[in-house]
């Protein structure tokens, strides 16, 4: 019969964290949330929208899928989003304060 270890299990690997938004050469902030499990992409996007770091510039979000819940959250905050061309397999959205 196998015995269980009395030592605690190793800590779980930390969940991936979205990179901070980076200012691109196009003058827009860019936030890549591809590969993050829900709800981390939504949280990262709203953190940027709610923060003071956006300085009125558009935010371009690079996502794996259409973030359906994002649109209502943006509307409540006075923002809107439009889908723009992106890389194959990517959903790219341009967000802007109204």
PDB file of N, CA and C in Angstrom:
ATOM      1  N   UNK A   1       0.842  -1.168   0.000  1.00  0.00           N
ATOM      2  CA  UNK A   1       0.000   0.000   0.000  1.00  0.00           C
ATOM      3  C   UNK A   1       0.893   1.238   0.000  1.00  0.00           C
ATOM      4  N   UNK A   2       0.614   2.165  -0.912  1.00  0.00           N
ATOM      5  CA  UNK A   2       1.404   3.391  -0.984  1.00  0.00           C
ATOM      6  C   UNK A   2       0.999   4.316   0.148  1.00  0.00           C
ATOM      7  N   UNK A   3       1.981   5.004   0.657  1.00  0.00           N
ATOM      8  CA  UNK A   3       1.716   5.970   1.722  1.00  0.00           C
ATOM      9  C   UNK A   3       1.798   7.379   1.148  1.00  0.00           C
ATOM     10  N   UNK A   4       0.962   8.231   1.642  1.00  0.00           N
ATOM     11  CA  UNK A   4       0.990   9.623   1.191  1.00  0.00           C
ATOM     12  C   UNK A   4       2.142  10.338   1.854  1.00  0.00           C
ATOM     13  N   UNK A   5       2.709  11.274   1.157  1.00  0.00           N
ATOM     14  CA  UNK A   5       3.801  12.071   1.702  1.00  0.00           C
ATOM     15  C   UNK A   5       3.253  12.988   2.782  1.00  0.00           C
ATOM     16  N   UNK A   6       4.041  13.198   3.795  1.00  0.00           N
ATOM     17  CA  UNK A   6       3.626  14.136   4.845  1.00  0.00           C
ATOM     18  C   UNK A   6       4.035  15.552   4.490  1.00  0.00           C
ATOM     19  N   UNK A   7       4.815  15.688   3.441  1.00  0.00           N
ATOM     20  CA  UNK A   7       5.210  17.036   3.016  1.00  0.00           C
ATOM     21  C   UNK A   7       4.079  17.660   2.215  1.00  0.00           C
ATOM     22  N   UNK A   8       3.914  18.983   2.304  1.00  0.00           N
ATOM     23  CA  UNK A   8       2.872  19.639   1.503  1.00  0.00           C
ATOM     24  C   UNK A   8       3.234  19.555   0.026  1.00  0.00           C
ATOM     25  N   UNK A   9       2.228  19.572  -0.816  1.00  0.00           N
ATOM     26  CA  UNK A   9       2.505  19.534  -2.256  1.00  0.00           C
ATOM     27  C   UNK A   9       3.240  20.799  -2.675  1.00  0.00           C
ATOM     28  N   UNK A  10       3.986  20.731  -3.775  1.00  0.00           N
ATOM     29  CA  UNK A  10       4.657  21.947  -4.245  1.00  0.00           C
ATOM     30  C   UNK A  10       3.625  22.986  -4.632  1.00  0.00           C
ATOM     31  N   UNK A  11       3.977  24.244  -4.508  1.00  0.00           N
ATOM     32  CA  UNK A  11       3.016  25.288  -4.881  1.00  0.00           C
ATOM     33  C   UNK A  11       2.688  25.205  -6.359  1.00  0.00           C
ATOM     34  N   UNK A  12       1.459  25.531  -6.661  1.00  0.00           N
ATOM     35  CA  UNK A  12       1.021  25.534  -8.064  1.00  0.00           C
ATOM     36  C   UNK A  12       1.748  26.645  -8.809  1.00  0.00           C
ATOM     37  N   UNK A  13       1.968  26.419 -10.074  1.00  0.00           N
ATOM     38  CA  UNK A  13       2.603  27.452 -10.885  1.00  0.00           C
ATOM     39  C   UNK A  13       1.683  28.665 -10.926  1.00  0.00           C
ATOM     40  N   UNK A  14       2.249  29.841 -10.845  1.00  0.00           N
ATOM     41  CA  UNK A  14       1.396  31.035 -10.896  1.00  0.00           C
ATOM     42  C   UNK A  14       0.679  31.128 -12.223  1.00  0.00           C
ATOM     43  N   UNK A  15      -0.516  31.652 -12.176  1.00  0.00           N
ATOM     44  CA  UNK A  15      -1.289  31.848 -13.406  1.00  0.00           C
ATOM     45  C   UNK A  15      -0.594  32.882 -14.264  1.00  0.00           C
ATOM     46  N   UNK A  16      -0.654  32.739 -15.576  1.00  0.00           N
ATOM     47  CA  UNK A  16      -0.020  33.741 -16.432  1.00  0.00           C
ATOM     48  C   UNK A  16      -0.649  35.103 -16.219  1.00  0.00           C
ATOM     49  N   UNK A  17       0.137  36.110 -16.312  1.00  0.00           N
ATOM     50  CA  UNK A  17      -0.333  37.474 -16.103  1.00  0.00           C
ATOM     51  C   UNK A  17      -0.192  38.234 -17.410  1.00  0.00           C
ATOM     52  N   UNK A  18      -1.184  39.003 -17.745  1.00  0.00           N
ATOM     53  CA  UNK A  18      -1.132  39.772 -18.977  1.00  0.00           C
ATOM     54  C   UNK A  18      -0.010  40.787 -18.904  1.00  0.00           C
ATOM     55  N   UNK A  19       0.652  40.976 -20.004  1.00  0.00           N
ATOM     56  CA  UNK A  19       1.686  41.998 -20.074  1.00  0.00           C
ATOM     57  C   UNK A  19       1.036  43.365 -19.965  1.00  0.00           C
ATOM     58  N   UNK A  20       1.792  44.305 -19.509  1.00  0.00           N
ATOM     59  CA  UNK A  20       1.306  45.671 -19.463  1.00  0.00           C
ATOM     60  C   UNK A  20       1.113  46.166 -20.881  1.00  0.00           C
ATOM     61  N   UNK A  21       0.226  47.117 -21.023  1.00  0.00           N
ATOM     62  CA  UNK A  21       0.018  47.700 -22.339  1.00  0.00           C
ATOM     63  C   UNK A  21       1.275  48.455 -22.749  1.00  0.00           C
ATOM     64  N   UNK A  22       1.649  48.297 -23.994  1.00  0.00           N
ATOM     65  CA  UNK A  22       2.827  48.961 -24.534  1.00  0.00           C
ATOM     66  C   UNK A  22       2.400  49.961 -25.588  1.00  0.00           C
ATOM     67  N   UNK A  23       3.046  51.110 -25.604  1.00  0.00           N
ATOM     68  CA  UNK A  23       2.756  52.119 -26.614  1.00  0.00           C
ATOM     69  C   UNK A  23       3.447  51.729 -27.908  1.00  0.00           C
ATOM     70  N   UNK A  24       2.659  51.523 -28.954  1.00  0.00           N
ATOM     71  CA  UNK A  24       3.191  51.108 -30.240  1.00  0.00           C
ATOM     72  C   UNK A  24       3.625  52.284 -31.089  1.00  0.00           C
ATOM     73  N   UNK A  25       4.338  51.980 -32.155  1.00  0.00           N
ATOM     74  CA  UNK A  25       4.804  53.026 -33.067  1.00  0.00           C
ATOM     75  C   UNK A  25       3.638  53.703 -33.786  1.00  0.00           C
ATOM     76  N   UNK A  26       2.456  53.076 -33.729  1.00  0.00           N
ATOM     77  CA  UNK A  26       1.263  53.657 -34.350  1.00  0.00           C
ATOM     78  C   UNK A  26       0.566  54.668 -33.444  1.00  0.00           C
ATOM     79  N   UNK A  27       1.117  54.898 -32.245  1.00  0.00           N
ATOM     80  CA  UNK A  27       0.529  55.855 -31.319  1.00  0.00           C
ATOM     81  C   UNK A  27      -0.585  55.285 -30.468  1.00  0.00           C
ATOM     82  N   UNK A  28      -0.863  53.991 -30.592  1.00  0.00           N
ATOM     83  CA  UNK A  28      -1.893  53.326 -29.804  1.00  0.00           C
ATOM     84  C   UNK A  28      -1.240  52.459 -28.731  1.00  0.00           C
ATOM     85  N   UNK A  29      -1.963  52.276 -27.650  1.00  0.00           N
ATOM     86  CA  UNK A  29      -1.547  51.297 -26.651  1.00  0.00           C
ATOM     87  C   UNK A  29      -1.905  49.920 -27.192  1.00  0.00           C
ATOM     88  N   UNK A  30      -1.066  48.922 -26.936  1.00  0.00           N
ATOM     89  CA  UNK A  30      -1.319  47.551 -27.374  1.00  0.00           C
ATOM     90  C   UNK A  30      -1.267  46.636 -26.158  1.00  0.00           C
ATOM     91  N   UNK A  31      -2.270  45.767 -26.046  1.00  0.00           N
ATOM     92  CA  UNK A  31      -2.354  44.817 -24.938  1.00  0.00           C
ATOM     93  C   UNK A  31      -2.605  43.434 -25.525  1.00  0.00           C
ATOM     94  N   UNK A  32      -1.665  42.527 -25.318  1.00  0.00           N
ATOM     95  CA  UNK A  32      -1.762  41.170 -25.852  1.00  0.00           C
ATOM     96  C   UNK A  32      -2.236  40.241 -24.742  1.00  0.00           C
ATOM     97  N   UNK A  33      -3.463  39.742 -24.873  1.00  0.00           N
ATOM     98  CA  UNK A  33      -4.026  38.843 -23.863  1.00  0.00           C
ATOM     99  C   UNK A  33      -4.211  37.437 -24.411  1.00  0.00           C
ATOM    100  N   UNK A  34      -3.599  37.154 -25.561  1.00  0.00           N
ATOM    101  CA  UNK A  34      -3.700  35.826 -26.158  1.00  0.00           C
ATOM    102  C   UNK A  34      -3.059  34.798 -25.234  1.00  0.00           C
ATOM    103  N   UNK A  35      -3.711  33.653 -25.118  1.00  0.00           N
ATOM    104  CA  UNK A  35      -3.192  32.559 -24.311  1.00  0.00           C
ATOM    105  C   UNK A  35      -3.583  32.617 -22.847  1.00  0.00           C
ATOM    106  N   UNK A  36      -4.214  33.687 -22.421  1.00  0.00           N
ATOM    107  CA  UNK A  36      -4.640  33.791 -21.024  1.00  0.00           C
ATOM    108  C   UNK A  36      -6.008  33.136 -20.852  1.00  0.00           C
ATOM    109  N   UNK A  37      -6.191  32.388 -19.770  1.00  0.00           N
ATOM    110  CA  UNK A  37      -7.500  31.769 -19.539  1.00  0.00           C
ATOM    111  C   UNK A  37      -8.498  32.794 -19.007  1.00  0.00           C
ATOM    112  N   UNK A  38      -9.784  32.605 -19.310  1.00  0.00           N
ATOM    113  CA  UNK A  38     -10.804  33.496 -18.755  1.00  0.00           C
ATOM    114  C   UNK A  38     -10.788  33.419 -17.233  1.00  0.00           C
ATOM    115  N   UNK A  39     -11.036  34.481 -16.543  1.00  0.00           N
ATOM    116  CA  UNK A  39     -11.421  35.822 -16.999  1.00  0.00           C
ATOM    117  C   UNK A  39     -10.233  36.783 -17.100  1.00  0.00           C
ATOM    118  N   UNK A  40      -9.012  36.278 -17.118  1.00  0.00           N
ATOM    119  CA  UNK A  40      -7.841  37.155 -17.102  1.00  0.00           C
ATOM    120  C   UNK A  40      -7.793  38.171 -18.243  1.00  0.00           C
ATOM    121  N   UNK A  41      -8.166  37.806 -19.481  1.00  0.00           N
ATOM    122  CA  UNK A  41      -8.154  38.838 -20.526  1.00  0.00           C
ATOM    123  C   UNK A  41      -9.101  39.997 -20.213  1.00  0.00           C
ATOM    124  N   UNK A  42     -10.308  39.683 -19.785  1.00  0.00           N
ATOM    125  CA  UNK A  42     -11.275  40.729 -19.450  1.00  0.00           C
ATOM    126  C   UNK A  42     -10.759  41.602 -18.326  1.00  0.00           C
ATOM    127  N   UNK A  43     -10.202  40.986 -17.302  1.00  0.00           N
ATOM    128  CA  UNK A  43      -9.672  41.735 -16.155  1.00  0.00           C
ATOM    129  C   UNK A  43      -8.545  42.662 -16.597  1.00  0.00           C
ATOM    130  N   UNK A  44      -7.635  42.162 -17.421  1.00  0.00           N
ATOM    131  CA  UNK A  44      -6.505  42.973 -17.877  1.00  0.00           C
ATOM    132  C   UNK A  44      -6.974  44.158 -18.722  1.00  0.00           C
ATOM    133  N   UNK A  45      -7.942  43.911 -19.591  1.00  0.00           N
ATOM    134  CA  UNK A  45      -8.452  44.988 -20.448  1.00  0.00           C
ATOM    135  C   UNK A  45      -9.140  46.059 -19.606  1.00  0.00           C
ATOM    136  N   UNK A  46     -10.002  45.632 -18.699  1.00  0.00           N
ATOM    137  CA  UNK A  46     -10.730  46.608 -17.875  1.00  0.00           C
ATOM    138  C   UNK A  46      -9.807  47.341 -16.931  1.00  0.00           C
ATOM    139  N   UNK A  47      -8.753  46.695 -16.481  1.00  0.00           N
ATOM    140  CA  UNK A  47      -7.764  47.363 -15.621  1.00  0.00           C
ATOM    141  C   UNK A  47      -7.137  48.529 -16.381  1.00  0.00           C
ATOM    142  N   UNK A  48      -6.837  48.314 -17.642  1.00  0.00           N
ATOM    143  CA  UNK A  48      -6.263  49.400 -18.442  1.00  0.00           C
ATOM    144  C   UNK A  48      -7.300  50.504 -18.689  1.00  0.00           C
ATOM    145  N   UNK A  49      -8.510  50.104 -19.065  1.00  0.00           N
ATOM    146  CA  UNK A  49      -9.564  51.079 -19.334  1.00  0.00           C
ATOM    147  C   UNK A  49      -9.864  51.912 -18.086  1.00  0.00           C
ATOM    148  N   UNK A  50      -9.913  51.272 -16.931  1.00  0.00           N
ATOM    149  CA  UNK A  50     -10.238  51.964 -15.686  1.00  0.00           C
ATOM    150  C   UNK A  50      -9.069  52.780 -15.140  1.00  0.00           C
ATOM    151  N   UNK A  51      -7.860  52.455 -15.577  1.00  0.00           N
ATOM    152  CA  UNK A  51      -6.677  53.154 -15.073  1.00  0.00           C
ATOM    153  C   UNK A  51      -6.472  54.480 -15.768  1.00  0.00           C
ATOM    154  N   UNK A  52      -5.487  55.190 -15.285  1.00  0.00           N
ATOM    155  CA  UNK A  52      -5.181  56.495 -15.865  1.00  0.00           C
ATOM    156  C   UNK A  52      -4.098  56.400 -16.932  1.00  0.00           C
ATOM    157  N   UNK A  53      -3.577  55.202 -17.188  1.00  0.00           N
ATOM    158  CA  UNK A  53      -2.454  55.038 -18.086  1.00  0.00           C
ATOM    159  C   UNK A  53      -2.776  55.156 -19.560  1.00  0.00           C
ATOM    160  N   UNK A  54      -4.054  55.187 -19.937  1.00  0.00           N
ATOM    161  CA  UNK A  54      -4.386  55.178 -21.356  1.00  0.00           C
ATOM    162  C   UNK A  54      -4.239  56.545 -21.996  1.00  0.00           C
ATOM    163  N   UNK A  55      -4.234  57.600 -21.273  1.00  0.00           N
ATOM    164  CA  UNK A  55      -4.010  58.988 -21.712  1.00  0.00           C
ATOM    165  C   UNK A  55      -4.805  59.385 -22.952  1.00  0.00           C
ATOM    166  N   UNK A  56      -5.992  58.825 -23.111  1.00  0.00           N
ATOM    167  CA  UNK A  56      -6.864  59.194 -24.214  1.00  0.00           C
ATOM    168  C   UNK A  56      -6.549  58.526 -25.538  1.00  0.00           C
ATOM    169  N   UNK A  57      -5.458  57.776 -25.598  1.00  0.00           N
ATOM    170  CA  UNK A  57      -5.110  57.085 -26.846  1.00  0.00           C
ATOM    171  C   UNK A  57      -5.918  55.798 -26.957  1.00  0.00           C
ATOM    172  N   UNK A  58      -6.162  55.340 -28.173  1.00  0.00           N
ATOM    173  CA  UNK A  58      -6.859  54.067 -28.350  1.00  0.00           C
ATOM    174  C   UNK A  58      -6.043  52.907 -27.772  1.00  0.00           C
ATOM    175  N   UNK A  59      -6.748  51.858 -27.398  1.00  0.00           N
ATOM    176  CA  UNK A  59      -6.133  50.626 -26.922  1.00  0.00           C
ATOM    177  C   UNK A  59      -6.430  49.540 -27.943  1.00  0.00           C
ATOM    178  N   UNK A  60      -5.391  48.915 -28.463  1.00  0.00           N
ATOM    179  CA  UNK A  60      -5.551  47.804 -29.393  1.00  0.00           C
ATOM    180  C   UNK A  60      -5.331  46.522 -28.609  1.00  0.00           C
ATOM    181  N   UNK A  61      -6.361  45.686 -28.588  1.00  0.00           N
ATOM    182  CA  UNK A  61      -6.312  44.428 -27.842  1.00  0.00           C
ATOM    183  C   UNK A  61      -6.088  43.286 -28.826  1.00  0.00           C
ATOM    184  N   UNK A  62      -5.107  42.449 -28.508  1.00  0.00           N
ATOM    185  CA  UNK A  62      -4.799  41.259 -29.306  1.00  0.00           C
ATOM    186  C   UNK A  62      -5.333  40.067 -28.511  1.00  0.00           C
ATOM    187  N   UNK A  63      -6.353  39.391 -29.065  1.00  0.00           N
ATOM    188  CA  UNK A  63      -7.100  38.377 -28.323  1.00  0.00           C
ATOM    189  C   UNK A  63      -7.211  37.103 -29.147  1.00  0.00           C
ATOM    190  N   UNK A  64      -7.467  35.981 -28.456  1.00  0.00           N
ATOM    191  CA  UNK A  64      -7.681  34.698 -29.126  1.00  0.00           C
ATOM    192  C   UNK A  64      -9.106  34.541 -29.645  1.00  0.00           C
ATOM    193  N   UNK A  65     -10.035  35.217 -29.017  1.00  0.00           N
ATOM    194  CA  UNK A  65     -11.450  35.010 -29.323  1.00  0.00           C
ATOM    195  C   UNK A  65     -12.208  36.324 -29.133  1.00  0.00           C
ATOM    196  N   UNK A  66     -13.436  36.360 -29.621  1.00  0.00           N
ATOM    197  CA  UNK A  66     -14.256  37.554 -29.436  1.00  0.00           C
ATOM    198  C   UNK A  66     -14.702  37.618 -27.984  1.00  0.00           C
ATOM    199  N   UNK A  67     -14.296  38.652 -27.263  1.00  0.00           N
ATOM    200  CA  UNK A  67     -14.661  38.757 -25.851  1.00  0.00           C
ATOM    201  C   UNK A  67     -16.072  39.319 -25.678  1.00  0.00           C
ATOM    202  N   UNK A  68     -17.064  38.449 -25.768  1.00  0.00           N
ATOM    203  CA  UNK A  68     -18.473  38.865 -25.776  1.00  0.00           C
ATOM    204  C   UNK A  68     -18.849  39.705 -24.554  1.00  0.00           C
ATOM    205  N   UNK A  69     -18.331  39.371 -23.394  1.00  0.00           N
ATOM    206  CA  UNK A  69     -18.696  40.104 -22.177  1.00  0.00           C
ATOM    207  C   UNK A  69     -18.065  41.489 -22.115  1.00  0.00           C
ATOM    208  N   UNK A  70     -17.041  41.717 -22.902  1.00  0.00           N
ATOM    209  CA  UNK A  70     -16.317  42.988 -22.859  1.00  0.00           C
ATOM    210  C   UNK A  70     -17.175  44.155 -23.314  1.00  0.00           C
ATOM    211  N   UNK A  71     -17.995  43.954 -24.322  1.00  0.00           N
ATOM    212  CA  UNK A  71     -18.721  45.063 -24.934  1.00  0.00           C
ATOM    213  C   UNK A  71     -19.657  45.762 -23.945  1.00  0.00           C
ATOM    214  N   UNK A  72     -20.376  45.013 -23.137  1.00  0.00           N
ATOM    215  CA  UNK A  72     -21.274  45.617 -22.139  1.00  0.00           C
ATOM    216  C   UNK A  72     -20.470  46.358 -21.074  1.00  0.00           C
ATOM    217  N   UNK A  73     -19.343  45.781 -20.666  1.00  0.00           N
ATOM    218  CA  UNK A  73     -18.489  46.435 -19.662  1.00  0.00           C
ATOM    219  C   UNK A  73     -17.935  47.752 -20.196  1.00  0.00           C
ATOM    220  N   UNK A  74     -17.552  47.763 -21.463  1.00  0.00           N
ATOM    221  CA  UNK A  74     -17.038  48.993 -22.063  1.00  0.00           C
ATOM    222  C   UNK A  74     -18.128  50.057 -22.144  1.00  0.00           C
ATOM    223  N   UNK A  75     -19.323  49.649 -22.546  1.00  0.00           N
ATOM    224  CA  UNK A  75     -20.425  50.600 -22.670  1.00  0.00           C
ATOM    225  C   UNK A  75     -20.722  51.268 -21.330  1.00  0.00           C
ATOM    226  N   UNK A  76     -20.672  50.508 -20.251  1.00  0.00           N
ATOM    227  CA  UNK A  76     -20.901  51.076 -18.915  1.00  0.00           C
ATOM    228  C   UNK A  76     -19.851  52.120 -18.560  1.00  0.00           C
ATOM    229  N   UNK A  77     -18.663  51.999 -19.138  1.00  0.00           N
ATOM    230  CA  UNK A  77     -17.559  52.902 -18.837  1.00  0.00           C
ATOM    231  C   UNK A  77     -17.424  54.028 -19.859  1.00  0.00           C
ATOM    232  N   UNK A  78     -18.335  54.068 -20.830  1.00  0.00           N
ATOM    233  CA  UNK A  78     -18.266  55.108 -21.844  1.00  0.00           C
ATOM    234  C   UNK A  78     -17.217  54.834 -22.910  1.00  0.00           C
ATOM    235  N   UNK A  79     -16.944  53.584 -23.177  1.00  0.00           N
ATOM    236  CA  UNK A  79     -15.983  53.184 -24.204  1.00  0.00           C
ATOM    237  C   UNK A  79     -16.717  52.390 -25.267  1.00  0.00           C
ATOM    238  N   UNK A  80     -16.099  52.244 -26.426  1.00  0.00           N
ATOM    239  CA  UNK A  80     -16.610  51.406 -27.494  1.00  0.00           C
ATOM    240  C   UNK A  80     -15.466  50.610 -28.086  1.00  0.00           C
ATOM    241  N   UNK A  81     -15.813  49.551 -28.814  1.00  0.00           N
ATOM    242  CA  UNK A  81     -14.798  48.699 -29.440  1.00  0.00           C
ATOM    243  C   UNK A  81     -15.213  48.394 -30.871  1.00  0.00           C
ATOM    244  N   UNK A  82     -14.220  48.289 -31.731  1.00  0.00           N
ATOM    245  CA  UNK A  82     -14.458  47.855 -33.103  1.00  0.00           C
ATOM    246  C   UNK A  82     -13.402  46.820 -33.464  1.00  0.00           C
ATOM    247  N   UNK A  83     -13.826  45.846 -34.235  1.00  0.00           N
ATOM    248  CA  UNK A  83     -12.883  44.823 -34.696  1.00  0.00           C
ATOM    249  C   UNK A  83     -12.089  45.382 -35.867  1.00  0.00           C
ATOM    250  N   UNK A  84     -10.779  45.160 -35.827  1.00  0.00           N
ATOM    251  CA  UNK A  84      -9.905  45.613 -36.900  1.00  0.00           C
ATOM    252  C   UNK A  84      -9.097  44.421 -37.404  1.00  0.00           C
ATOM    253  N   UNK A  85      -8.448  44.587 -38.540  1.00  0.00           N
ATOM    254  CA  UNK A  85      -7.650  43.507 -39.109  1.00  0.00           C
ATOM    255  C   UNK A  85      -6.519  43.122 -38.172  1.00  0.00           C
ATOM    256  N   UNK A  86      -6.293  41.824 -38.071  1.00  0.00           N
ATOM    257  CA  UNK A  86      -5.211  41.296 -37.244  1.00  0.00           C
ATOM    258  C   UNK A  86      -4.545  40.129 -37.928  1.00  0.00           C
ATOM    259  N   UNK A  87      -3.658  39.496 -37.219  1.00  0.00           N
ATOM    260  CA  UNK A  87      -2.978  38.315 -37.747  1.00  0.00           C
ATOM    261  C   UNK A  87      -3.969  37.163 -37.872  1.00  0.00           C
ATOM    262  N   UNK A  88      -3.681  36.168 -38.725  1.00  0.00           N
ATOM    263  CA  UNK A  88      -4.570  34.996 -38.829  1.00  0.00           C
ATOM    264  C   UNK A  88      -4.750  34.322 -37.464  1.00  0.00           C
ATOM    265  N   UNK A  89      -5.993  34.013 -37.132  1.00  0.00           N
ATOM    266  CA  UNK A  89      -6.292  33.367 -35.860  1.00  0.00           C
ATOM    267  C   UNK A  89      -6.377  34.313 -34.679  1.00  0.00           C
ATOM    268  N   UNK A  90      -6.232  35.602 -34.935  1.00  0.00           N
ATOM    269  CA  UNK A  90      -6.267  36.597 -33.862  1.00  0.00           C
ATOM    270  C   UNK A  90      -7.517  37.453 -34.008  1.00  0.00           C
ATOM    271  N   UNK A  91      -8.119  37.799 -32.882  1.00  0.00           N
ATOM    272  CA  UNK A  91      -9.175  38.798 -32.853  1.00  0.00           C
ATOM    273  C   UNK A  91      -8.524  40.081 -32.345  1.00  0.00           C
ATOM    274  N   UNK A  92      -8.543  41.104 -33.173  1.00  0.00           N
ATOM    275  CA  UNK A  92      -7.908  42.370 -32.789  1.00  0.00           C
ATOM    276  C   UNK A  92      -9.002  43.428 -32.689  1.00  0.00           C
ATOM    277  N   UNK A  93      -9.045  44.093 -31.553  1.00  0.00           N
ATOM    278  CA  UNK A  93     -10.055  45.111 -31.287  1.00  0.00           C
ATOM    279  C   UNK A  93      -9.383  46.442 -31.005  1.00  0.00           C
ATOM    280  N   UNK A  94     -10.008  47.497 -31.486  1.00  0.00           N
ATOM    281  CA  UNK A  94      -9.557  48.854 -31.174  1.00  0.00           C
ATOM    282  C   UNK A  94     -10.585  49.438 -30.217  1.00  0.00           C
ATOM    283  N   UNK A  95     -10.139  49.785 -29.021  1.00  0.00           N
ATOM    284  CA  UNK A  95     -11.004  50.348 -27.990  1.00  0.00           C
ATOM    285  C   UNK A  95     -10.701  51.829 -27.850  1.00  0.00           C
ATOM    286  N   UNK A  96     -11.751  52.606 -27.620  1.00  0.00           N
ATOM    287  CA  UNK A  96     -11.580  54.055 -27.493  1.00  0.00           C
ATOM    288  C   UNK A  96     -12.633  54.603 -26.552  1.00  0.00           C
ATOM    289  N   UNK A  97     -12.236  55.560 -25.751  1.00  0.00           N
ATOM    290  CA  UNK A  97     -13.202  56.251 -24.896  1.00  0.00           C
ATOM    291  C   UNK A  97     -14.101  57.090 -25.785  1.00  0.00           C
ATOM    292  N   UNK A  98     -15.382  57.108 -25.454  1.00  0.00           N
ATOM    293  CA  UNK A  98     -16.351  57.858 -26.265  1.00  0.00           C
ATOM    294  C   UNK A  98     -16.166  59.348 -26.077  1.00  0.00           C
TER     295      UNK A  98
END
